[in-house]
């Protein structure tokens, strides 16, 4: 991804920095990347746009770095609902605390605000927005 695309609305794909992912993988030991391309998948098992991940069952411990466009609320809702069905879903999201999706779903998860701004993919510039990790864990006593 080139920098011109990164700081525009021409793309909604923001590739997770590998070292950042590795630290989370050490903690969570992910089973599946539920929102990947063949070029940026972080797990051996992954779902792509062609797999229509929003219609799949998410199981185990899932990593999610969704498209950062208008469809993002659907991904956040799916992550939350999957936790109600027994999955743990760890989400890398822009920290947009003023949105409906943030209040309806993210606030029900464990929120970890990130200090500074991430450098996505192999970019030299930081993202133009703050990020957070939101963890949706299985419902207790279900």
C-alpha atoms as a PDB file:
ATOM      1  CA  UNK A   1       0.000   0.000   0.000  1.00  0.00           C
ATOM      2  CA  UNK A   2       1.517   3.347  -0.894  1.00  0.00           C
ATOM      3  CA  UNK A   3       1.393   6.420   1.316  1.00  0.00           C
ATOM      4  CA  UNK A   4      -0.868   8.338  -1.085  1.00  0.00           C
ATOM      5  CA  UNK A   5      -3.535   5.684  -0.591  1.00  0.00           C
ATOM      6  CA  UNK A   6      -2.949   5.421   3.133  1.00  0.00           C
ATOM      7  CA  UNK A   7      -3.856   9.041   3.806  1.00  0.00           C
ATOM      8  CA  UNK A   8      -6.878   9.074   1.528  1.00  0.00           C
ATOM      9  CA  UNK A   9     -10.240   7.367   1.350  1.00  0.00           C
ATOM     10  CA  UNK A  10      -9.162   5.307  -1.677  1.00  0.00           C
ATOM     11  CA  UNK A  11      -8.592   2.252   0.509  1.00  0.00           C
ATOM     12  CA  UNK A  12     -10.137   0.882   3.678  1.00  0.00           C
ATOM     13  CA  UNK A  13      -7.479  -1.791   4.215  1.00  0.00           C
ATOM     14  CA  UNK A  14      -4.863  -1.075   6.854  1.00  0.00           C
ATOM     15  CA  UNK A  15      -2.358  -3.915   7.215  1.00  0.00           C
ATOM     16  CA  UNK A  16      -1.567  -4.790  10.840  1.00  0.00           C
ATOM     17  CA  UNK A  17       2.054  -4.116  11.839  1.00  0.00           C
ATOM     18  CA  UNK A  18       3.681  -7.535  12.336  1.00  0.00           C
ATOM     19  CA  UNK A  19       5.506  -6.749  15.592  1.00  0.00           C
ATOM     20  CA  UNK A  20       2.314  -5.321  17.073  1.00  0.00           C
ATOM     21  CA  UNK A  21       0.364  -8.432  16.054  1.00  0.00           C
ATOM     22  CA  UNK A  22       3.077 -10.759  17.390  1.00  0.00           C
ATOM     23  CA  UNK A  23       2.754  -9.307  20.909  1.00  0.00           C
ATOM     24  CA  UNK A  24      -0.999  -9.837  20.875  1.00  0.00           C
ATOM     25  CA  UNK A  25      -0.588 -13.327  19.418  1.00  0.00           C
ATOM     26  CA  UNK A  26       1.763 -14.191  22.303  1.00  0.00           C
ATOM     27  CA  UNK A  27      -1.001 -13.175  24.704  1.00  0.00           C
ATOM     28  CA  UNK A  28      -4.047 -14.614  22.918  1.00  0.00           C
ATOM     29  CA  UNK A  29      -2.652 -17.388  20.647  1.00  0.00           C
ATOM     30  CA  UNK A  30      -4.978 -16.701  17.738  1.00  0.00           C
ATOM     31  CA  UNK A  31      -6.699 -19.511  15.838  1.00  0.00           C
ATOM     32  CA  UNK A  32      -7.956 -17.469  12.886  1.00  0.00           C
ATOM     33  CA  UNK A  33      -7.730 -14.092  11.143  1.00  0.00           C
ATOM     34  CA  UNK A  34     -11.361 -13.370  10.288  1.00  0.00           C
ATOM     35  CA  UNK A  35     -10.743 -10.402   8.018  1.00  0.00           C
ATOM     36  CA  UNK A  36      -7.732 -10.945   5.774  1.00  0.00           C
ATOM     37  CA  UNK A  37      -6.429 -11.035   2.260  1.00  0.00           C
ATOM     38  CA  UNK A  38      -4.037 -13.704   1.039  1.00  0.00           C
ATOM     39  CA  UNK A  39      -1.285 -11.064   1.186  1.00  0.00           C
ATOM     40  CA  UNK A  40      -1.867  -9.802   4.735  1.00  0.00           C
ATOM     41  CA  UNK A  41      -3.257 -12.791   6.699  1.00  0.00           C
ATOM     42  CA  UNK A  42      -1.788 -12.982  10.182  1.00  0.00           C
ATOM     43  CA  UNK A  43      -2.860 -16.551  10.966  1.00  0.00           C
ATOM     44  CA  UNK A  44      -2.539 -19.881   9.180  1.00  0.00           C
ATOM     45  CA  UNK A  45      -6.343 -20.057   9.141  1.00  0.00           C
ATOM     46  CA  UNK A  46      -8.003 -16.971   7.709  1.00  0.00           C
ATOM     47  CA  UNK A  47     -11.134 -15.684   6.004  1.00  0.00           C
ATOM     48  CA  UNK A  48     -11.078 -13.369   3.005  1.00  0.00           C
ATOM     49  CA  UNK A  49     -13.680 -11.146   1.378  1.00  0.00           C
ATOM     50  CA  UNK A  50     -14.444 -14.047  -0.971  1.00  0.00           C
ATOM     51  CA  UNK A  51     -15.234 -16.249   2.045  1.00  0.00           C
ATOM     52  CA  UNK A  52     -17.886 -13.734   3.161  1.00  0.00           C
ATOM     53  CA  UNK A  53     -16.660 -13.777   6.757  1.00  0.00           C
ATOM     54  CA  UNK A  54     -19.691 -11.923   8.065  1.00  0.00           C
ATOM     55  CA  UNK A  55     -21.787 -14.998   7.204  1.00  0.00           C
ATOM     56  CA  UNK A  56     -19.341 -17.524   8.693  1.00  0.00           C
ATOM     57  CA  UNK A  57     -19.266 -18.839  12.255  1.00  0.00           C
ATOM     58  CA  UNK A  58     -16.277 -17.447  14.134  1.00  0.00           C
ATOM     59  CA  UNK A  59     -14.850 -19.954  16.612  1.00  0.00           C
ATOM     60  CA  UNK A  60     -11.944 -20.070  19.019  1.00  0.00           C
ATOM     61  CA  UNK A  61      -9.689 -17.038  19.381  1.00  0.00           C
ATOM     62  CA  UNK A  62     -10.021 -14.677  16.438  1.00  0.00           C
ATOM     63  CA  UNK A  63      -8.003 -11.710  15.202  1.00  0.00           C
ATOM     64  CA  UNK A  64      -9.925  -8.961  13.413  1.00  0.00           C
ATOM     65  CA  UNK A  65      -8.532  -5.878  11.674  1.00  0.00           C
ATOM     66  CA  UNK A  66     -11.593  -4.972   9.580  1.00  0.00           C
ATOM     67  CA  UNK A  67     -11.939  -2.660   6.585  1.00  0.00           C
ATOM     68  CA  UNK A  68     -11.996   0.880   7.998  1.00  0.00           C
ATOM     69  CA  UNK A  69     -14.894   2.126   5.867  1.00  0.00           C
ATOM     70  CA  UNK A  70     -18.665   2.320   6.071  1.00  0.00           C
ATOM     71  CA  UNK A  71     -18.931  -1.452   6.599  1.00  0.00           C
ATOM     72  CA  UNK A  72     -16.928  -1.400   9.847  1.00  0.00           C
ATOM     73  CA  UNK A  73     -19.983  -1.352  12.158  1.00  0.00           C
ATOM     74  CA  UNK A  74     -21.101  -4.686  10.651  1.00  0.00           C
ATOM     75  CA  UNK A  75     -17.721  -6.209  11.559  1.00  0.00           C
ATOM     76  CA  UNK A  76     -17.833  -4.842  15.102  1.00  0.00           C
ATOM     77  CA  UNK A  77     -21.367  -6.193  15.566  1.00  0.00           C
ATOM     78  CA  UNK A  78     -20.293  -9.609  14.227  1.00  0.00           C
ATOM     79  CA  UNK A  79     -17.311  -9.669  16.616  1.00  0.00           C
ATOM     80  CA  UNK A  80     -19.545  -8.893  19.591  1.00  0.00           C
ATOM     81  CA  UNK A  81     -22.210 -11.435  18.561  1.00  0.00           C
ATOM     82  CA  UNK A  82     -19.539 -14.098  18.002  1.00  0.00           C
ATOM     83  CA  UNK A  83     -18.392 -13.617  21.589  1.00  0.00           C
ATOM     84  CA  UNK A  84     -21.943 -14.373  22.735  1.00  0.00           C
ATOM     85  CA  UNK A  85     -21.609 -17.680  20.861  1.00  0.00           C
ATOM     86  CA  UNK A  86     -18.316 -18.580  22.569  1.00  0.00           C
ATOM     87  CA  UNK A  87     -15.550 -16.953  20.499  1.00  0.00           C
ATOM     88  CA  UNK A  88     -12.941 -14.524  21.737  1.00  0.00           C
ATOM     89  CA  UNK A  89     -12.498 -11.768  19.159  1.00  0.00           C
ATOM     90  CA  UNK A  90      -9.629  -9.312  19.428  1.00  0.00           C
ATOM     91  CA  UNK A  91     -10.242  -6.254  17.252  1.00  0.00           C
ATOM     92  CA  UNK A  92      -7.866  -3.549  16.049  1.00  0.00           C
ATOM     93  CA  UNK A  93     -10.065  -0.507  15.498  1.00  0.00           C
ATOM     94  CA  UNK A  94      -9.793   3.224  15.052  1.00  0.00           C
ATOM     95  CA  UNK A  95     -10.687   4.799  18.413  1.00  0.00           C
ATOM     96  CA  UNK A  96     -13.837   6.508  17.192  1.00  0.00           C
ATOM     97  CA  UNK A  97     -15.519   6.864  20.549  1.00  0.00           C
ATOM     98  CA  UNK A  98     -18.273   9.105  19.218  1.00  0.00           C
ATOM     99  CA  UNK A  99     -19.807   6.477  16.919  1.00  0.00           C
ATOM    100  CA  UNK A 100     -22.926   4.377  17.380  1.00  0.00           C
ATOM    101  CA  UNK A 101     -20.949   1.148  16.917  1.00  0.00           C
ATOM    102  CA  UNK A 102     -18.498   2.181  19.625  1.00  0.00           C
ATOM    103  CA  UNK A 103     -21.304   2.778  22.121  1.00  0.00           C
ATOM    104  CA  UNK A 104     -23.494  -0.162  21.070  1.00  0.00           C
ATOM    105  CA  UNK A 105     -20.715  -2.778  20.946  1.00  0.00           C
ATOM    106  CA  UNK A 106     -17.174  -1.680  21.810  1.00  0.00           C
ATOM    107  CA  UNK A 107     -18.225  -0.410  25.229  1.00  0.00           C
ATOM    108  CA  UNK A 108     -19.313  -3.992  26.031  1.00  0.00           C
ATOM    109  CA  UNK A 109     -15.773  -5.283  25.450  1.00  0.00           C
ATOM    110  CA  UNK A 110     -12.418  -4.774  27.080  1.00  0.00           C
ATOM    111  CA  UNK A 111     -10.932  -1.597  25.602  1.00  0.00           C
ATOM    112  CA  UNK A 112      -7.194  -0.953  25.380  1.00  0.00           C
ATOM    113  CA  UNK A 113      -6.372   2.481  24.015  1.00  0.00           C
ATOM    114  CA  UNK A 114      -3.030   2.578  22.224  1.00  0.00           C
ATOM    115  CA  UNK A 115      -0.457   5.216  23.041  1.00  0.00           C
ATOM    116  CA  UNK A 116       0.597   7.133  19.955  1.00  0.00           C
ATOM    117  CA  UNK A 117      -0.437   6.124  16.472  1.00  0.00           C
ATOM    118  CA  UNK A 118       0.328   2.890  14.645  1.00  0.00           C
ATOM    119  CA  UNK A 119       2.377   2.646  11.496  1.00  0.00           C
ATOM    120  CA  UNK A 120       0.314   0.266   9.393  1.00  0.00           C
ATOM    121  CA  UNK A 121       1.963  -2.170   7.004  1.00  0.00           C
ATOM    122  CA  UNK A 122       5.434  -1.069   5.980  1.00  0.00           C
ATOM    123  CA  UNK A 123       4.616   2.648   6.105  1.00  0.00           C
ATOM    124  CA  UNK A 124       7.020   5.242   7.466  1.00  0.00           C
ATOM    125  CA  UNK A 125       4.219   7.614   8.514  1.00  0.00           C
ATOM    126  CA  UNK A 126       1.822   6.981  11.361  1.00  0.00           C
ATOM    127  CA  UNK A 127      -1.903   6.589  10.788  1.00  0.00           C
ATOM    128  CA  UNK A 128      -3.973   9.796  10.809  1.00  0.00           C
ATOM    129  CA  UNK A 129      -6.154   8.430  13.643  1.00  0.00           C
ATOM    130  CA  UNK A 130      -5.737   6.881  17.110  1.00  0.00           C
ATOM    131  CA  UNK A 131      -6.359   3.147  17.537  1.00  0.00           C
ATOM    132  CA  UNK A 132      -7.652   0.798  20.193  1.00  0.00           C
ATOM    133  CA  UNK A 133      -7.795  -2.909  20.820  1.00  0.00           C
ATOM    134  CA  UNK A 134     -11.275  -4.099  21.740  1.00  0.00           C
ATOM    135  CA  UNK A 135     -11.532  -7.622  23.125  1.00  0.00           C
ATOM    136  CA  UNK A 136     -14.860  -9.405  23.078  1.00  0.00           C
ATOM    137  CA  UNK A 137     -14.711 -12.476  25.320  1.00  0.00           C
ATOM    138  CA  UNK A 138     -17.256 -15.309  25.587  1.00  0.00           C
ATOM    139  CA  UNK A 139     -20.231 -14.591  27.764  1.00  0.00           C
ATOM    140  CA  UNK A 140     -19.792 -16.061  31.251  1.00  0.00           C
ATOM    141  CA  UNK A 141     -22.482 -18.435  32.462  1.00  0.00           C
ATOM    142  CA  UNK A 142     -24.023 -18.994  29.054  1.00  0.00           C
END
